[in-house]
Amino acid sequence: MILIRYKLRVGLTGLMLVAATALSADNHQGNSGVFRSHDGYEKANFGAREVIIKTRAGQKSLRVTLSNLRLTDSGKNTAIKLPGAGIALLQHLAGDATIQADAEKFEPMEGEWLRLALPSDFRIGVGKDTVLLDLILIEEQ
């Protein structure tokens, strides 16, 4: 467990700081980074950490998880459900993707970050090639 003593604003920069701090220590798992089939897409987990941050209201416990999502079915839309409470950060790494969350539709450029409030149900449409996304989950405990 890691204790962060910084005052964080609830912006993307603060969330990225929490994620980087949580996952900076070695967290070797036996199957880390191996893609596994998961409801129409593949997911590779790279570890998770419990983080405690200090806020004005007191300490808050978070679980930070880092993974990759890979979608290979061209022309298909895949539903992804992320339960829990907190924030999901998605970075589009490669491929022609369309992401639909609620009534909003995004066609992210490679390298672009998206932030979704949890719980979240969204769809990813795959164009002509494989889509690869980084996923950072910051869940309230």
C-alpha atoms as a PDB file:
ATOM      1  CA  MET A   1       0.000   0.000   0.000  1.00  0.00           C
ATOM      2  CA  ILE A   2       1.282   3.449  -0.928  1.00  0.00           C
ATOM      3  CA  LEU A   3       0.454   6.690   0.867  1.00  0.00           C
ATOM      4  CA  ILE A   4       0.457   9.820  -1.274  1.00  0.00           C
ATOM      5  CA  ARG A   5       0.733  13.113   0.599  1.00  0.00           C
ATOM      6  CA  TYR A   6       0.197  15.455  -2.332  1.00  0.00           C
ATOM      7  CA  LYS A   7      -2.879  17.621  -2.712  1.00  0.00           C
ATOM      8  CA  LEU A   8      -4.465  16.386  -5.940  1.00  0.00           C
ATOM      9  CA  ARG A   9      -7.011  18.194  -8.008  1.00  0.00           C
ATOM     10  CA  VAL A  10      -9.522  15.897  -9.661  1.00  0.00           C
ATOM     11  CA  GLY A  11      -8.025  16.631 -13.071  1.00  0.00           C
ATOM     12  CA  LEU A  12      -6.353  14.313 -15.532  1.00  0.00           C
ATOM     13  CA  THR A  13      -2.895  15.353 -14.300  1.00  0.00           C
ATOM     14  CA  GLY A  14      -3.719  14.367 -10.716  1.00  0.00           C
ATOM     15  CA  LEU A  15      -5.195  11.049 -11.812  1.00  0.00           C
ATOM     16  CA  MET A  16      -2.126  10.285 -13.908  1.00  0.00           C
ATOM     17  CA  LEU A  17       0.098  11.076 -10.906  1.00  0.00           C
ATOM     18  CA  VAL A  18      -1.885   8.636  -8.763  1.00  0.00           C
ATOM     19  CA  ALA A  19      -1.617   5.942 -11.448  1.00  0.00           C
ATOM     20  CA  ALA A  20       2.107   6.462 -12.021  1.00  0.00           C
ATOM     21  CA  THR A  21       2.894   6.422  -8.313  1.00  0.00           C
ATOM     22  CA  ALA A  22       0.793   3.344  -7.691  1.00  0.00           C
ATOM     23  CA  LEU A  23       2.349   1.321 -10.473  1.00  0.00           C
ATOM     24  CA  SER A  24       5.923   2.585 -10.232  1.00  0.00           C
ATOM     25  CA  ALA A  25       6.987  -0.034  -7.703  1.00  0.00           C
ATOM     26  CA  ASP A  26       7.686  -3.524  -9.022  1.00  0.00           C
ATOM     27  CA  ASN A  27       4.538  -5.626  -9.133  1.00  0.00           C
ATOM     28  CA  HIS A  28       5.541  -8.856 -10.844  1.00  0.00           C
ATOM     29  CA  GLN A  29       2.702 -11.240 -11.486  1.00  0.00           C
ATOM     30  CA  GLY A  30       2.989 -14.602 -13.194  1.00  0.00           C
ATOM     31  CA  ASN A  31       0.709 -13.757 -16.118  1.00  0.00           C
ATOM     32  CA  SER A  32       1.410 -10.046 -16.349  1.00  0.00           C
ATOM     33  CA  GLY A  33       1.024  -8.722 -19.886  1.00  0.00           C
ATOM     34  CA  VAL A  34      -0.527 -11.857 -21.389  1.00  0.00           C
ATOM     35  CA  PHE A  35      -3.635 -11.204 -23.482  1.00  0.00           C
ATOM     36  CA  ARG A  36      -6.672 -13.273 -22.455  1.00  0.00           C
ATOM     37  CA  SER A  37     -10.064 -13.443 -24.146  1.00  0.00           C
ATOM     38  CA  HIS A  38     -12.693 -11.392 -22.316  1.00  0.00           C
ATOM     39  CA  ASP A  39     -16.257 -10.990 -23.684  1.00  0.00           C
ATOM     40  CA  GLY A  40     -15.473 -10.124 -27.325  1.00  0.00           C
ATOM     41  CA  TYR A  41     -12.074  -8.504 -26.775  1.00  0.00           C
ATOM     42  CA  GLU A  42      -8.693  -9.392 -25.317  1.00  0.00           C
ATOM     43  CA  LYS A  43      -7.286  -7.936 -22.118  1.00  0.00           C
ATOM     44  CA  ALA A  44      -3.736  -8.005 -20.719  1.00  0.00           C
ATOM     45  CA  ASN A  45      -3.314  -7.035 -17.060  1.00  0.00           C
ATOM     46  CA  PHE A  46      -0.116  -5.372 -15.867  1.00  0.00           C
ATOM     47  CA  GLY A  47      -0.825  -5.110 -12.164  1.00  0.00           C
ATOM     48  CA  ALA A  48      -2.835  -3.290  -9.534  1.00  0.00           C
ATOM     49  CA  ARG A  49      -1.993  -1.313  -6.399  1.00  0.00           C
ATOM     50  CA  GLU A  50      -3.884   0.023  -3.426  1.00  0.00           C
ATOM     51  CA  VAL A  51      -3.234   3.744  -2.943  1.00  0.00           C
ATOM     52  CA  ILE A  52      -4.238   6.040  -0.093  1.00  0.00           C
ATOM     53  CA  ILE A  53      -4.468   9.757  -0.802  1.00  0.00           C
ATOM     54  CA  LYS A  54      -5.109  12.581   1.630  1.00  0.00           C
ATOM     55  CA  THR A  55      -7.947  14.929   0.756  1.00  0.00           C
ATOM     56  CA  ARG A  56      -9.584  17.785   2.639  1.00  0.00           C
ATOM     57  CA  ALA A  57     -12.293  15.331   3.729  1.00  0.00           C
ATOM     58  CA  GLY A  58      -9.711  12.843   5.036  1.00  0.00           C
ATOM     59  CA  GLN A  59      -7.974   9.805   3.586  1.00  0.00           C
ATOM     60  CA  LYS A  60      -9.348   8.075   0.527  1.00  0.00           C
ATOM     61  CA  SER A  61      -8.464   4.526  -0.524  1.00  0.00           C
ATOM     62  CA  LEU A  62      -8.109   3.818  -4.262  1.00  0.00           C
ATOM     63  CA  ARG A  63      -7.282   0.751  -6.335  1.00  0.00           C
ATOM     64  CA  VAL A  64      -5.275   1.533  -9.480  1.00  0.00           C
ATOM     65  CA  THR A  65      -5.178  -1.107 -12.228  1.00  0.00           C
ATOM     66  CA  LEU A  66      -3.227  -0.946 -15.490  1.00  0.00           C
ATOM     67  CA  SER A  67      -4.121  -3.065 -18.530  1.00  0.00           C
ATOM     68  CA  ASN A  68      -4.262  -3.140 -22.350  1.00  0.00           C
ATOM     69  CA  LEU A  69      -7.343  -3.865 -24.424  1.00  0.00           C
ATOM     70  CA  ARG A  70      -7.042  -5.376 -27.904  1.00  0.00           C
ATOM     71  CA  LEU A  71      -9.920  -5.658 -30.370  1.00  0.00           C
ATOM     72  CA  THR A  72      -9.265  -7.554 -33.592  1.00  0.00           C
ATOM     73  CA  ASP A  73     -12.670  -8.032 -35.286  1.00  0.00           C
ATOM     74  CA  SER A  74     -12.807  -5.514 -38.157  1.00  0.00           C
ATOM     75  CA  GLY A  75     -16.172  -3.856 -38.617  1.00  0.00           C
ATOM     76  CA  LYS A  76     -17.504  -5.094 -35.273  1.00  0.00           C
ATOM     77  CA  ASN A  77     -18.767  -3.107 -32.275  1.00  0.00           C
ATOM     78  CA  THR A  78     -17.898  -4.564 -28.881  1.00  0.00           C
ATOM     79  CA  ALA A  79     -19.580  -3.653 -25.589  1.00  0.00           C
ATOM     80  CA  ILE A  80     -17.290  -3.137 -22.598  1.00  0.00           C
ATOM     81  CA  LYS A  81     -18.634  -2.839 -19.060  1.00  0.00           C
ATOM     82  CA  LEU A  82     -16.567  -1.335 -16.285  1.00  0.00           C
ATOM     83  CA  PRO A  83     -18.260  -1.644 -12.870  1.00  0.00           C
ATOM     84  CA  GLY A  84     -17.310   0.074  -9.661  1.00  0.00           C
ATOM     85  CA  ALA A  85     -16.983   3.699  -8.672  1.00  0.00           C
ATOM     86  CA  GLY A  86     -14.186   5.967  -9.828  1.00  0.00           C
ATOM     87  CA  ILE A  87     -12.595   6.874 -13.151  1.00  0.00           C
ATOM     88  CA  ALA A  88     -11.380   4.993 -16.227  1.00  0.00           C
ATOM     89  CA  LEU A  89      -8.632   6.522 -18.357  1.00  0.00           C
ATOM     90  CA  LEU A  90      -8.352   5.158 -21.903  1.00  0.00           C
ATOM     91  CA  GLN A  91      -5.484   5.962 -24.235  1.00  0.00           C
ATOM     92  CA  HIS A  92      -5.906   5.070 -27.895  1.00  0.00           C
ATOM     93  CA  LEU A  93      -2.626   3.477 -28.967  1.00  0.00           C
ATOM     94  CA  ALA A  94      -3.320   2.060 -32.425  1.00  0.00           C
ATOM     95  CA  GLY A  95      -5.996   1.236 -34.964  1.00  0.00           C
ATOM     96  CA  ASP A  96      -9.114   2.828 -36.386  1.00  0.00           C
ATOM     97  CA  ALA A  97     -11.503   3.061 -33.426  1.00  0.00           C
ATOM     98  CA  THR A  98     -14.847   4.625 -32.639  1.00  0.00           C
ATOM     99  CA  ILE A  99     -15.809   4.821 -28.971  1.00  0.00           C
ATOM    100  CA  GLN A 100     -19.408   5.442 -27.963  1.00  0.00           C
ATOM    101  CA  ALA A 101     -20.218   6.273 -24.334  1.00  0.00           C
ATOM    102  CA  ASP A 102     -23.839   7.144 -23.662  1.00  0.00           C
ATOM    103  CA  ALA A 103     -24.944   9.537 -26.435  1.00  0.00           C
ATOM    104  CA  GLU A 104     -21.407  10.742 -27.233  1.00  0.00           C
ATOM    105  CA  LYS A 105     -19.316   9.252 -30.007  1.00  0.00           C
ATOM    106  CA  PHE A 106     -15.531   9.712 -30.256  1.00  0.00           C
ATOM    107  CA  GLU A 107     -13.073   8.881 -32.997  1.00  0.00           C
ATOM    108  CA  PRO A 108      -9.870   9.273 -30.997  1.00  0.00           C
ATOM    109  CA  MET A 109      -6.524   9.945 -32.608  1.00  0.00           C
ATOM    110  CA  GLU A 110      -3.599   7.750 -31.653  1.00  0.00           C
ATOM    111  CA  GLY A 111      -2.214   8.945 -28.320  1.00  0.00           C
ATOM    112  CA  GLU A 112      -5.422  10.699 -27.272  1.00  0.00           C
ATOM    113  CA  TRP A 113      -6.769  10.133 -23.730  1.00  0.00           C
ATOM    114  CA  LEU A 114     -10.422   9.695 -22.788  1.00  0.00           C
ATOM    115  CA  ARG A 115     -11.791   9.895 -19.253  1.00  0.00           C
ATOM    116  CA  LEU A 116     -14.948   7.996 -18.278  1.00  0.00           C
ATOM    117  CA  ALA A 117     -16.775   8.044 -14.951  1.00  0.00           C
ATOM    118  CA  LEU A 118     -17.373   4.597 -13.426  1.00  0.00           C
ATOM    119  CA  PRO A 119     -19.515   2.608 -13.668  1.00  0.00           C
ATOM    120  CA  SER A 120     -19.391   2.826 -17.443  1.00  0.00           C
ATOM    121  CA  ASP A 121     -20.820   0.853 -20.330  1.00  0.00           C
ATOM    122  CA  PHE A 122     -19.340   1.852 -23.664  1.00  0.00           C
ATOM    123  CA  ARG A 123     -18.847   0.405 -27.132  1.00  0.00           C
ATOM    124  CA  ILE A 124     -15.723   0.269 -29.259  1.00  0.00           C
ATOM    125  CA  GLY A 125     -16.068  -0.014 -33.015  1.00  0.00           C
ATOM    126  CA  VAL A 126     -13.143  -1.467 -34.928  1.00  0.00           C
ATOM    127  CA  GLY A 127     -12.263  -0.145 -38.392  1.00  0.00           C
ATOM    128  CA  LYS A 128      -9.978  -1.954 -40.827  1.00  0.00           C
ATOM    129  CA  ASP A 129      -7.238  -2.902 -38.380  1.00  0.00           C
ATOM    130  CA  THR A 130      -6.667  -4.032 -34.796  1.00  0.00           C
ATOM    131  CA  VAL A 131      -7.439  -1.506 -32.051  1.00  0.00           C
ATOM    132  CA  LEU A 132      -5.140  -1.274 -29.030  1.00  0.00           C
ATOM    133  CA  LEU A 133      -5.958   0.799 -25.927  1.00  0.00           C
ATOM    134  CA  ASP A 134      -4.283   1.441 -22.582  1.00  0.00           C
ATOM    135  CA  LEU A 135      -6.738   1.268 -19.681  1.00  0.00           C
ATOM    136  CA  ILE A 136      -6.074   2.741 -16.245  1.00  0.00           C
ATOM    137  CA  LEU A 137      -8.821   2.113 -13.689  1.00  0.00           C
ATOM    138  CA  ILE A 138      -8.848   4.273 -10.570  1.00  0.00           C
ATOM    139  CA  GLU A 139     -11.523   2.770  -8.369  1.00  0.00           C
ATOM    140  CA  GLU A 140     -12.738   4.037  -5.013  1.00  0.00           C
ATOM    141  CA  GLN A 141     -12.600   1.443  -2.258  1.00  0.00           C
END
